[in-house]
PDB file of N, CA and C in Angstrom:
ATOM      1  N   MET A   1      80.504 -14.097  35.462  1.00  0.00           N
ATOM      2  CA  MET A   1      81.064 -12.764  35.524  1.00  0.00           C
ATOM      3  C   MET A   1      80.025 -11.752  35.977  1.00  0.00           C
ATOM      4  N   SER A   2      78.796 -11.954  35.603  1.00  0.00           N
ATOM      5  CA  SER A   2      77.762 -11.005  36.005  1.00  0.00           C
ATOM      6  C   SER A   2      77.580 -10.977  37.517  1.00  0.00           C
ATOM      7  N   ASP A   3      77.794 -12.127  38.201  1.00  0.00           N
ATOM      8  CA  ASP A   3      77.708 -12.142  39.667  1.00  0.00           C
ATOM      9  C   ASP A   3      78.780 -11.245  40.263  1.00  0.00           C
ATOM     10  N   HIS A   4      79.972 -11.290  39.710  1.00  0.00           N
ATOM     11  CA  HIS A   4      81.076 -10.456  40.190  1.00  0.00           C
ATOM     12  C   HIS A   4      80.736  -8.974  40.016  1.00  0.00           C
ATOM     13  N   ILE A   5      80.172  -8.615  38.888  1.00  0.00           N
ATOM     14  CA  ILE A   5      79.793  -7.228  38.632  1.00  0.00           C
ATOM     15  C   ILE A   5      78.663  -6.807  39.562  1.00  0.00           C
ATOM     16  N   THR A   6      77.674  -7.649  39.714  1.00  0.00           N
ATOM     17  CA  THR A   6      76.551  -7.351  40.610  1.00  0.00           C
ATOM     18  C   THR A   6      77.039  -7.169  42.044  1.00  0.00           C
ATOM     19  N   GLU A   7      77.940  -8.046  42.494  1.00  0.00           N
ATOM     20  CA  GLU A   7      78.489  -7.935  43.836  1.00  0.00           C
ATOM     21  C   GLU A   7      79.290  -6.647  44.000  1.00  0.00           C
ATOM     22  N   GLY A   8      80.013  -6.261  42.952  1.00  0.00           N
ATOM     23  CA  GLY A   8      80.767  -5.010  42.996  1.00  0.00           C
ATOM     24  C   GLY A   8      79.857  -3.810  43.171  1.00  0.00           C
ATOM     25  N   PHE A   9      78.770  -3.782  42.435  1.00  0.00           N
ATOM     26  CA  PHE A   9      77.812  -2.681  42.569  1.00  0.00           C
ATOM     27  C   PHE A   9      77.125  -2.707  43.930  1.00  0.00           C
ATOM     28  N   ALA A  10      76.879  -3.890  44.474  1.00  0.00           N
ATOM     29  CA  ALA A  10      76.255  -3.988  45.794  1.00  0.00           C
ATOM     30  C   ALA A  10      77.168  -3.415  46.868  1.00  0.00           C
ATOM     31  N   ARG A  11      78.488  -3.567  46.685  1.00  0.00           N
ATOM     32  CA  ARG A  11      79.437  -3.022  47.655  1.00  0.00           C
ATOM     33  C   ARG A  11      79.670  -1.529  47.448  1.00  0.00           C
ATOM     34  N   THR A  12      79.229  -0.994  46.335  1.00  0.00           N
ATOM     35  CA  THR A  12      79.361   0.436  46.075  1.00  0.00           C
ATOM     36  C   THR A  12      78.203   1.141  46.763  1.00  0.00           C
ATOM     37  N   ASP A  13      78.259   1.114  48.059  1.00  0.00           N
ATOM     38  CA  ASP A  13      77.214   1.642  48.905  1.00  0.00           C
ATOM     39  C   ASP A  13      77.911   2.371  50.047  1.00  0.00           C
ATOM     40  N   LEU A  14      77.429   3.534  50.391  1.00  0.00           N
ATOM     41  CA  LEU A  14      78.054   4.345  51.426  1.00  0.00           C
ATOM     42  C   LEU A  14      78.233   3.565  52.721  1.00  0.00           C
ATOM     43  N   ARG A  15      77.226   2.786  53.098  1.00  0.00           N
ATOM     44  CA  ARG A  15      77.320   2.018  54.345  1.00  0.00           C
ATOM     45  C   ARG A  15      78.384   0.936  54.251  1.00  0.00           C
ATOM     46  N   GLN A  16      78.514   0.300  53.094  1.00  0.00           N
ATOM     47  CA  GLN A  16      79.540  -0.726  52.919  1.00  0.00           C
ATOM     48  C   GLN A  16      80.939  -0.104  52.949  1.00  0.00           C
ATOM     49  N   ILE A  17      81.082   1.062  52.305  1.00  0.00           N
ATOM     50  CA  ILE A  17      82.373   1.747  52.313  1.00  0.00           C
ATOM     51  C   ILE A  17      82.722   2.175  53.733  1.00  0.00           C
ATOM     52  N   ARG A  18      81.737   2.696  54.459  1.00  0.00           N
ATOM     53  CA  ARG A  18      81.947   3.084  55.856  1.00  0.00           C
ATOM     54  C   ARG A  18      82.409   1.891  56.679  1.00  0.00           C
ATOM     55  N   ALA A  19      81.765   0.757  56.520  1.00  0.00           N
ATOM     56  CA  ALA A  19      82.132  -0.441  57.276  1.00  0.00           C
ATOM     57  C   ALA A  19      83.549  -0.878  56.939  1.00  0.00           C
ATOM     58  N   PHE A  20      83.898  -0.808  55.667  1.00  0.00           N
ATOM     59  CA  PHE A  20      85.236  -1.216  55.257  1.00  0.00           C
ATOM     60  C   PHE A  20      86.295  -0.282  55.843  1.00  0.00           C
ATOM     61  N   ILE A  21      86.055   1.019  55.793  1.00  0.00           N
ATOM     62  CA  ILE A  21      87.025   1.973  56.323  1.00  0.00           C
ATOM     63  C   ILE A  21      87.142   1.834  57.839  1.00  0.00           C
ATOM     64  N   LEU A  22      86.020   1.697  58.538  1.00  0.00           N
ATOM     65  CA  LEU A  22      86.065   1.603  60.001  1.00  0.00           C
ATOM     66  C   LEU A  22      86.543   0.244  60.499  1.00  0.00           C
ATOM     67  N   HIS A  23      86.112  -0.836  59.848  1.00  0.00           N
ATOM     68  CA  HIS A  23      86.359  -2.169  60.384  1.00  0.00           C
ATOM     69  C   HIS A  23      87.261  -3.031  59.505  1.00  0.00           C
ATOM     70  N   GLY A  24      87.557  -2.564  58.303  1.00  0.00           N
ATOM     71  CA  GLY A  24      88.426  -3.321  57.416  1.00  0.00           C
ATOM     72  C   GLY A  24      87.775  -4.527  56.778  1.00  0.00           C
ATOM     73  N   ALA A  25      86.469  -4.584  56.812  1.00  0.00           N
ATOM     74  CA  ALA A  25      85.769  -5.723  56.229  1.00  0.00           C
ATOM     75  C   ALA A  25      84.399  -5.291  55.754  1.00  0.00           C
ATOM     76  N   GLU A  26      83.829  -6.124  54.927  1.00  0.00           N
ATOM     77  CA  GLU A  26      82.483  -5.867  54.439  1.00  0.00           C
ATOM     78  C   GLU A  26      81.495  -6.054  55.582  1.00  0.00           C
ATOM     79  N   ASP A  27      80.556  -5.150  55.697  1.00  0.00           N
ATOM     80  CA  ASP A  27      79.528  -5.231  56.745  1.00  0.00           C
ATOM     81  C   ASP A  27      78.377  -6.067  56.205  1.00  0.00           C
ATOM     82  N   VAL A  28      78.258  -7.280  56.721  1.00  0.00           N
ATOM     83  CA  VAL A  28      77.206  -8.165  56.224  1.00  0.00           C
ATOM     84  C   VAL A  28      75.856  -7.827  56.841  1.00  0.00           C
ATOM     85  N   ASP A  29      75.854  -6.980  57.882  1.00  0.00           N
ATOM     86  CA  ASP A  29      74.611  -6.641  58.573  1.00  0.00           C
ATOM     87  C   ASP A  29      74.303  -5.147  58.424  1.00  0.00           C
ATOM     88  N   VAL A  30      74.392  -4.649  57.206  1.00  0.00           N
ATOM     89  CA  VAL A  30      74.095  -3.238  56.968  1.00  0.00           C
ATOM     90  C   VAL A  30      72.602  -3.031  57.138  1.00  0.00           C
ATOM     91  N   GLN A  31      72.251  -2.090  57.999  1.00  0.00           N
ATOM     92  CA  GLN A  31      70.847  -1.809  58.246  1.00  0.00           C
ATOM     93  C   GLN A  31      70.338  -0.839  57.193  1.00  0.00           C
ATOM     94  N   ASP A  32      69.327  -1.247  56.496  1.00  0.00           N
ATOM     95  CA  ASP A  32      68.757  -0.421  55.439  1.00  0.00           C
ATOM     96  C   ASP A  32      67.584   0.371  56.011  1.00  0.00           C
ATOM     97  N   MET A  33      67.917   1.301  56.909  1.00  0.00           N
ATOM     98  CA  MET A  33      66.897   2.136  57.544  1.00  0.00           C
ATOM     99  C   MET A  33      67.288   3.603  57.349  1.00  0.00           C
ATOM    100  N   PRO A  34      66.313   4.479  57.342  1.00  0.00           N
ATOM    101  CA  PRO A  34      66.632   5.913  57.307  1.00  0.00           C
ATOM    102  C   PRO A  34      67.432   6.304  58.551  1.00  0.00           C
ATOM    103  N   TYR A  35      68.190   7.388  58.451  1.00  0.00           N
ATOM    104  CA  TYR A  35      69.038   7.822  59.556  1.00  0.00           C
ATOM    105  C   TYR A  35      68.265   7.989  60.861  1.00  0.00           C
ATOM    106  N   ASN A  36      67.115   8.632  60.813  1.00  0.00           N
ATOM    107  CA  ASN A  36      66.374   8.867  62.061  1.00  0.00           C
ATOM    108  C   ASN A  36      65.969   7.564  62.730  1.00  0.00           C
ATOM    109  N   LYS A  37      65.577   6.562  61.960  1.00  0.00           N
ATOM    110  CA  LYS A  37      65.209   5.263  62.547  1.00  0.00           C
ATOM    111  C   LYS A  37      66.433   4.529  63.077  1.00  0.00           C
ATOM    112  N   ARG A  38      67.581   4.646  62.378  1.00  0.00           N
ATOM    113  CA  ARG A  38      68.810   4.034  62.870  1.00  0.00           C
ATOM    114  C   ARG A  38      69.226   4.651  64.190  1.00  0.00           C
ATOM    115  N   LEU A  39      69.074   5.973  64.334  1.00  0.00           N
ATOM    116  CA  LEU A  39      69.427   6.642  65.581  1.00  0.00           C
ATOM    117  C   LEU A  39      68.529   6.189  66.727  1.00  0.00           C
ATOM    118  N   ILE A  40      67.237   6.108  66.475  1.00  0.00           N
ATOM    119  CA  ILE A  40      66.298   5.651  67.503  1.00  0.00           C
ATOM    120  C   ILE A  40      66.615   4.205  67.887  1.00  0.00           C
ATOM    121  N   HIS A  41      66.800   3.361  66.898  1.00  0.00           N
ATOM    122  CA  HIS A  41      67.109   1.952  67.133  1.00  0.00           C
ATOM    123  C   HIS A  41      68.409   1.811  67.929  1.00  0.00           C
ATOM    124  N   GLY A  42      69.403   2.621  67.597  1.00  0.00           N
ATOM    125  CA  GLY A  42      70.695   2.538  68.262  1.00  0.00           C
ATOM    126  C   GLY A  42      70.715   3.104  69.670  1.00  0.00           C
ATOM    127  N   THR A  43      69.757   3.957  70.009  1.00  0.00           N
ATOM    128  CA  THR A  43      69.753   4.573  71.337  1.00  0.00           C
ATOM    129  C   THR A  43      68.760   3.936  72.304  1.00  0.00           C
ATOM    130  N   ASN A  44      67.835   3.153  71.819  1.00  0.00           N
ATOM    131  CA  ASN A  44      66.815   2.557  72.695  1.00  0.00           C
ATOM    132  C   ASN A  44      67.419   1.798  73.863  1.00  0.00           C
ATOM    133  N   THR A  45      68.446   1.006  73.621  1.00  0.00           N
ATOM    134  CA  THR A  45      69.028   0.168  74.663  1.00  0.00           C
ATOM    135  C   THR A  45      69.632   1.007  75.785  1.00  0.00           C
ATOM    136  N   ILE A  46      70.415   2.026  75.433  1.00  0.00           N
ATOM    137  CA  ILE A  46      71.067   2.828  76.470  1.00  0.00           C
ATOM    138  C   ILE A  46      70.056   3.693  77.214  1.00  0.00           C
ATOM    139  N   VAL A  47      69.041   4.174  76.525  1.00  0.00           N
ATOM    140  CA  VAL A  47      68.007   4.969  77.199  1.00  0.00           C
ATOM    141  C   VAL A  47      67.282   4.106  78.221  1.00  0.00           C
ATOM    142  N   LYS A  48      66.932   2.893  77.849  1.00  0.00           N
ATOM    143  CA  LYS A  48      66.260   1.980  78.791  1.00  0.00           C
ATOM    144  C   LYS A  48      67.175   1.645  79.967  1.00  0.00           C
ATOM    145  N   ARG A  49      68.464   1.466  79.698  1.00  0.00           N
ATOM    146  CA  ARG A  49      69.404   1.164  80.767  1.00  0.00           C
ATOM    147  C   ARG A  49      69.510   2.330  81.743  1.00  0.00           C
ATOM    148  N   LEU A  50      69.611   3.548  81.227  1.00  0.00           N
ATOM    149  CA  LEU A  50      69.689   4.724  82.098  1.00  0.00           C
ATOM    150  C   LEU A  50      68.415   4.881  82.921  1.00  0.00           C
ATOM    151  N   GLU A  51      67.276   4.625  82.290  1.00  0.00           N
ATOM    152  CA  GLU A  51      66.007   4.717  83.021  1.00  0.00           C
ATOM    153  C   GLU A  51      65.932   3.679  84.138  1.00  0.00           C
ATOM    154  N   GLY A  52      66.536   2.519  83.926  1.00  0.00           N
ATOM    155  CA  GLY A  52      66.554   1.483  84.953  1.00  0.00           C
ATOM    156  C   GLY A  52      67.506   1.804  86.098  1.00  0.00           C
ATOM    157  N   ILE A  53      68.541   2.546  85.810  1.00  0.00           N
ATOM    158  CA  ILE A  53      69.523   2.893  86.834  1.00  0.00           C
ATOM    159  C   ILE A  53      69.084   4.112  87.644  1.00  0.00           C
ATOM    160  N   TYR A  54      68.550   5.107  86.949  1.00  0.00           N
ATOM    161  CA  TYR A  54      68.219   6.385  87.595  1.00  0.00           C
ATOM    162  C   TYR A  54      66.709   6.592  87.640  1.00  0.00           C
ATOM    163  N   GLN A  55      66.126   6.414  88.819  1.00  0.00           N
ATOM    164  CA  GLN A  55      64.702   6.699  88.964  1.00  0.00           C
ATOM    165  C   GLN A  55      64.478   8.193  89.206  1.00  0.00           C
ATOM    166  N   ASP A  56      65.479   8.860  89.771  1.00  0.00           N
ATOM    167  CA  ASP A  56      65.418  10.291  90.019  1.00  0.00           C
ATOM    168  C   ASP A  56      65.644  11.034  88.695  1.00  0.00           C
ATOM    169  N   GLN A  57      64.724  11.901  88.302  1.00  0.00           N
ATOM    170  CA  GLN A  57      64.798  12.588  87.012  1.00  0.00           C
ATOM    171  C   GLN A  57      66.035  13.471  86.904  1.00  0.00           C
ATOM    172  N   GLU A  58      66.425  14.111  88.002  1.00  0.00           N
ATOM    173  CA  GLU A  58      67.610  14.982  87.963  1.00  0.00           C
ATOM    174  C   GLU A  58      68.875  14.174  87.679  1.00  0.00           C
ATOM    175  N   GLN A  59      69.002  13.020  88.341  1.00  0.00           N
ATOM    176  CA  GLN A  59      70.161  12.145  88.097  1.00  0.00           C
ATOM    177  C   GLN A  59      70.117  11.575  86.676  1.00  0.00           C
ATOM    178  N   MET A  60      68.931  11.243  86.223  1.00  0.00           N
ATOM    179  CA  MET A  60      68.768  10.752  84.855  1.00  0.00           C
ATOM    180  C   MET A  60      69.208  11.816  83.854  1.00  0.00           C
ATOM    181  N   ASP A  61      68.814  13.056  84.081  1.00  0.00           N
ATOM    182  CA  ASP A  61      69.202  14.151  83.187  1.00  0.00           C
ATOM    183  C   ASP A  61      70.713  14.353  83.181  1.00  0.00           C
ATOM    184  N   LYS A  62      71.346  14.268  84.357  1.00  0.00           N
ATOM    185  CA  LYS A  62      72.807  14.417  84.436  1.00  0.00           C
ATOM    186  C   LYS A  62      73.513  13.293  83.680  1.00  0.00           C
ATOM    187  N   ALA A  63      73.046  12.068  83.877  1.00  0.00           N
ATOM    188  CA  ALA A  63      73.642  10.929  83.172  1.00  0.00           C
ATOM    189  C   ALA A  63      73.454  11.070  81.664  1.00  0.00           C
ATOM    190  N   HIS A  64      72.280  11.494  81.271  1.00  0.00           N
ATOM    191  CA  HIS A  64      71.991  11.698  79.850  1.00  0.00           C
ATOM    192  C   HIS A  64      72.891  12.780  79.271  1.00  0.00           C
ATOM    193  N   ASN A  65      73.082  13.875  80.006  1.00  0.00           N
ATOM    194  CA  ASN A  65      73.947  14.960  79.541  1.00  0.00           C
ATOM    195  C   ASN A  65      75.402  14.513  79.441  1.00  0.00           C
ATOM    196  N   ASP A  66      75.867  13.726  80.418  1.00  0.00           N
ATOM    197  CA  ASP A  66      77.236  13.200  80.361  1.00  0.00           C
ATOM    198  C   ASP A  66      77.421  12.294  79.142  1.00  0.00           C
ATOM    199  N   LEU A  67      76.447  11.442  78.902  1.00  0.00           N
ATOM    200  CA  LEU A  67      76.507  10.557  77.739  1.00  0.00           C
ATOM    201  C   LEU A  67      76.475  11.364  76.446  1.00  0.00           C
ATOM    202  N   ALA A  68      75.613  12.368  76.390  1.00  0.00           N
ATOM    203  CA  ALA A  68      75.512  13.205  75.192  1.00  0.00           C
ATOM    204  C   ALA A  68      76.822  13.938  74.921  1.00  0.00           C
ATOM    205  N   LEU A  69      77.479  14.414  75.983  1.00  0.00           N
ATOM    206  CA  LEU A  69      78.771  15.088  75.821  1.00  0.00           C
ATOM    207  C   LEU A  69      79.819  14.130  75.251  1.00  0.00           C
ATOM    208  N   ALA A  70      79.869  12.933  75.806  1.00  0.00           N
ATOM    209  CA  ALA A  70      80.833  11.944  75.326  1.00  0.00           C
ATOM    210  C   ALA A  70      80.567  11.570  73.865  1.00  0.00           C
ATOM    211  N   LEU A  71      79.309  11.301  73.550  1.00  0.00           N
ATOM    212  CA  LEU A  71      78.966  10.916  72.179  1.00  0.00           C
ATOM    213  C   LEU A  71      79.169  12.068  71.207  1.00  0.00           C
ATOM    214  N   GLY A  72      78.882  13.288  71.663  1.00  0.00           N
ATOM    215  CA  GLY A  72      79.106  14.460  70.822  1.00  0.00           C
ATOM    216  C   GLY A  72      80.577  14.626  70.473  1.00  0.00           C
ATOM    217  N   THR A  73      81.451  14.330  71.436  1.00  0.00           N
ATOM    218  CA  THR A  73      82.888  14.405  71.177  1.00  0.00           C
ATOM    219  C   THR A  73      83.288  13.367  70.141  1.00  0.00           C
ATOM    220  N   TYR A  74      82.792  12.144  70.291  1.00  0.00           N
ATOM    221  CA  TYR A  74      83.055  11.111  69.281  1.00  0.00           C
ATOM    222  C   TYR A  74      82.547  11.553  67.916  1.00  0.00           C
ATOM    223  N   GLN A  75      81.357  12.112  67.886  1.00  0.00           N
ATOM    224  CA  GLN A  75      80.759  12.562  66.635  1.00  0.00           C
ATOM    225  C   GLN A  75      81.641  13.607  65.965  1.00  0.00           C
ATOM    226  N   GLU A  76      82.109  14.577  66.724  1.00  0.00           N
ATOM    227  CA  GLU A  76      82.958  15.635  66.170  1.00  0.00           C
ATOM    228  C   GLU A  76      84.258  15.065  65.609  1.00  0.00           C
ATOM    229  N   VAL A  77      84.911  14.206  66.399  1.00  0.00           N
ATOM    230  CA  VAL A  77      86.190  13.638  65.980  1.00  0.00           C
ATOM    231  C   VAL A  77      86.024  12.792  64.725  1.00  0.00           C
ATOM    232  N   TYR A  78      85.028  11.902  64.726  1.00  0.00           N
ATOM    233  CA  TYR A  78      84.848  11.022  63.563  1.00  0.00           C
ATOM    234  C   TYR A  78      84.351  11.777  62.335  1.00  0.00           C
ATOM    235  N   MET A  79      83.626  12.849  62.534  1.00  0.00           N
ATOM    236  CA  MET A  79      83.223  13.680  61.391  1.00  0.00           C
ATOM    237  C   MET A  79      84.454  14.302  60.748  1.00  0.00           C
ATOM    238  N   GLU A  80      85.357  14.832  61.581  1.00  0.00           N
ATOM    239  CA  GLU A  80      86.582  15.424  61.058  1.00  0.00           C
ATOM    240  C   GLU A  80      87.440  14.375  60.358  1.00  0.00           C
ATOM    241  N   ILE A  81      87.557  13.186  60.965  1.00  0.00           N
ATOM    242  CA  ILE A  81      88.317  12.111  60.334  1.00  0.00           C
ATOM    243  C   ILE A  81      87.665  11.722  59.006  1.00  0.00           C
ATOM    244  N   GLY A  82      86.349  11.623  58.990  1.00  0.00           N
ATOM    245  CA  GLY A  82      85.635  11.275  57.755  1.00  0.00           C
ATOM    246  C   GLY A  82      85.851  12.294  56.658  1.00  0.00           C
ATOM    247  N   MET A  83      85.869  13.568  57.032  1.00  0.00           N
ATOM    248  CA  MET A  83      86.114  14.606  56.035  1.00  0.00           C
ATOM    249  C   MET A  83      87.537  14.490  55.484  1.00  0.00           C
ATOM    250  N   LYS A  84      88.510  14.183  56.348  1.00  0.00           N
ATOM    251  CA  LYS A  84      89.894  14.005  55.887  1.00  0.00           C
ATOM    252  C   LYS A  84      90.017  12.785  54.986  1.00  0.00           C
ATOM    253  N   VAL A  85      89.356  11.693  55.364  1.00  0.00           N
ATOM    254  CA  VAL A  85      89.387  10.491  54.528  1.00  0.00           C
ATOM    255  C   VAL A  85      88.779  10.789  53.160  1.00  0.00           C
ATOM    256  N   GLY A  86      87.650  11.491  53.142  1.00  0.00           N
ATOM    257  CA  GLY A  86      87.020  11.860  51.874  1.00  0.00           C
ATOM    258  C   GLY A  86      87.925  12.738  51.027  1.00  0.00           C
ATOM    259  N   ALA A  87      88.574  13.691  51.664  1.00  0.00           N
ATOM    260  CA  ALA A  87      89.487  14.574  50.927  1.00  0.00           C
ATOM    261  C   ALA A  87      90.666  13.791  50.360  1.00  0.00           C
ATOM    262  N   ARG A  88      91.191  12.855  51.133  1.00  0.00           N
ATOM    263  CA  ARG A  88      92.305  12.030  50.632  1.00  0.00           C
ATOM    264  C   ARG A  88      91.870  11.172  49.457  1.00  0.00           C
ATOM    265  N   LEU A  89      90.663  10.618  49.535  1.00  0.00           N
ATOM    266  CA  LEU A  89      90.164   9.815  48.415  1.00  0.00           C
ATOM    267  C   LEU A  89      90.004  10.673  47.158  1.00  0.00           C
ATOM    268  N   ILE A  90      89.450  11.859  47.323  1.00  0.00           N
ATOM    269  CA  ILE A  90      89.290  12.760  46.174  1.00  0.00           C
ATOM    270  C   ILE A  90      90.652  13.120  45.598  1.00  0.00           C
ATOM    271  N   TYR A  91      91.615  13.444  46.460  1.00  0.00           N
ATOM    272  CA  TYR A  91      92.960  13.777  46.005  1.00  0.00           C
ATOM    273  C   TYR A  91      93.565  12.607  45.237  1.00  0.00           C
ATOM    274  N   GLN A  92      93.417  11.409  45.793  1.00  0.00           N
ATOM    275  CA  GLN A  92      93.960  10.238  45.117  1.00  0.00           C
ATOM    276  C   GLN A  92      93.276  10.008  43.771  1.00  0.00           C
ATOM    277  N   LEU A  93      91.973  10.173  43.726  1.00  0.00           N
ATOM    278  CA  LEU A  93      91.247   9.958  42.473  1.00  0.00           C
ATOM    279  C   LEU A  93      91.608  11.000  41.420  1.00  0.00           C
ATOM    280  N   LEU A  94      91.789  12.237  41.834  1.00  0.00           N
ATOM    281  CA  LEU A  94      92.002  13.319  40.875  1.00  0.00           C
ATOM    282  C   LEU A  94      93.462  13.599  40.556  1.00  0.00           C
ATOM    283  N   VAL A  95      94.371  13.336  41.482  1.00  0.00           N
ATOM    284  CA  VAL A  95      95.755  13.734  41.277  1.00  0.00           C
ATOM    285  C   VAL A  95      96.704  12.546  41.257  1.00  0.00           C
ATOM    286  N   VAL A  96      96.733  11.791  42.330  1.00  0.00           N
ATOM    287  CA  VAL A  96      97.751  10.764  42.488  1.00  0.00           C
ATOM    288  C   VAL A  96      97.614   9.658  41.452  1.00  0.00           C
ATOM    289  N   ASP A  97      96.429   9.152  41.226  1.00  0.00           N
ATOM    290  CA  ASP A  97      96.268   8.052  40.271  1.00  0.00           C
ATOM    291  C   ASP A  97      96.731   8.422  38.878  1.00  0.00           C
ATOM    292  N   ASP A  98      96.566   9.673  38.482  1.00  0.00           N
ATOM    293  CA  ASP A  98      97.004  10.095  37.161  1.00  0.00           C
ATOM    294  C   ASP A  98      98.525  10.125  37.054  1.00  0.00           C
ATOM    295  N   GLU A  99      99.213  10.263  38.178  1.00  0.00           N
ATOM    296  CA  GLU A  99     100.667  10.332  38.172  1.00  0.00           C
ATOM    297  C   GLU A  99     101.317   8.963  38.192  1.00  0.00           C
ATOM    298  N   LEU A 100     100.591   7.925  38.621  1.00  0.00           N
ATOM    299  CA  LEU A 100     101.171   6.594  38.718  1.00  0.00           C
ATOM    300  C   LEU A 100     101.237   5.924  37.351  1.00  0.00           C
ATOM    301  N   PRO A 101     102.364   5.284  37.050  1.00  0.00           N
ATOM    302  CA  PRO A 101     102.450   4.572  35.765  1.00  0.00           C
ATOM    303  C   PRO A 101     101.571   3.337  35.781  1.00  0.00           C
ATOM    304  N   ILE A 102     101.098   2.954  34.623  1.00  0.00           N
ATOM    305  CA  ILE A 102     100.290   1.734  34.501  1.00  0.00           C
ATOM    306  C   ILE A 102     101.241   0.553  34.451  1.00  0.00           C
ATOM    307  N   ARG A 103     100.995  -0.431  35.308  1.00  0.00           N
ATOM    308  CA  ARG A 103     101.854  -1.615  35.386  1.00  0.00           C
ATOM    309  C   ARG A 103     101.152  -2.813  34.763  1.00  0.00           C
ATOM    310  N   ASN A 104     101.932  -3.642  34.164  1.00  0.00           N
ATOM    311  CA  ASN A 104     101.417  -4.940  33.700  1.00  0.00           C
ATOM    312  C   ASN A 104     101.748  -5.955  34.755  1.00  0.00           C
ATOM    313  N   GLU A 105     100.753  -6.368  35.514  1.00  0.00           N
ATOM    314  CA  GLU A 105     100.975  -7.365  36.547  1.00  0.00           C
ATOM    315  C   GLU A 105     100.443  -8.696  36.060  1.00  0.00           C
ATOM    316  N   GLN A 106     101.203  -9.713  36.305  1.00  0.00           N
ATOM    317  CA  GLN A 106     100.815 -11.054  35.842  1.00  0.00           C
ATOM    318  C   GLN A 106     100.373 -11.897  36.973  1.00  0.00           C
TER     319      GLN A 106
END
């Protein structure tokens, strides 16, 4: 039983909850890095790819700006969705669960 409890606490992690909400499953490859290092790690590949495609600095800057605009839009949308999901969870925890009758399930 202690393994079950330990596993439950291990899943009570913001990154695990995020993975479950986004992907519907436990994220077995949760990176335990600070946000700034995760951002650098996550952008290295695309930065190197853009540098390989665009030798001209002006074209590189335009491509970078286009990518930043696209990613910024994703960031805004998912932030808003995340705030709504959080609000729904709080509402469910504080209001809805108290209204539901307790069932005896066998």
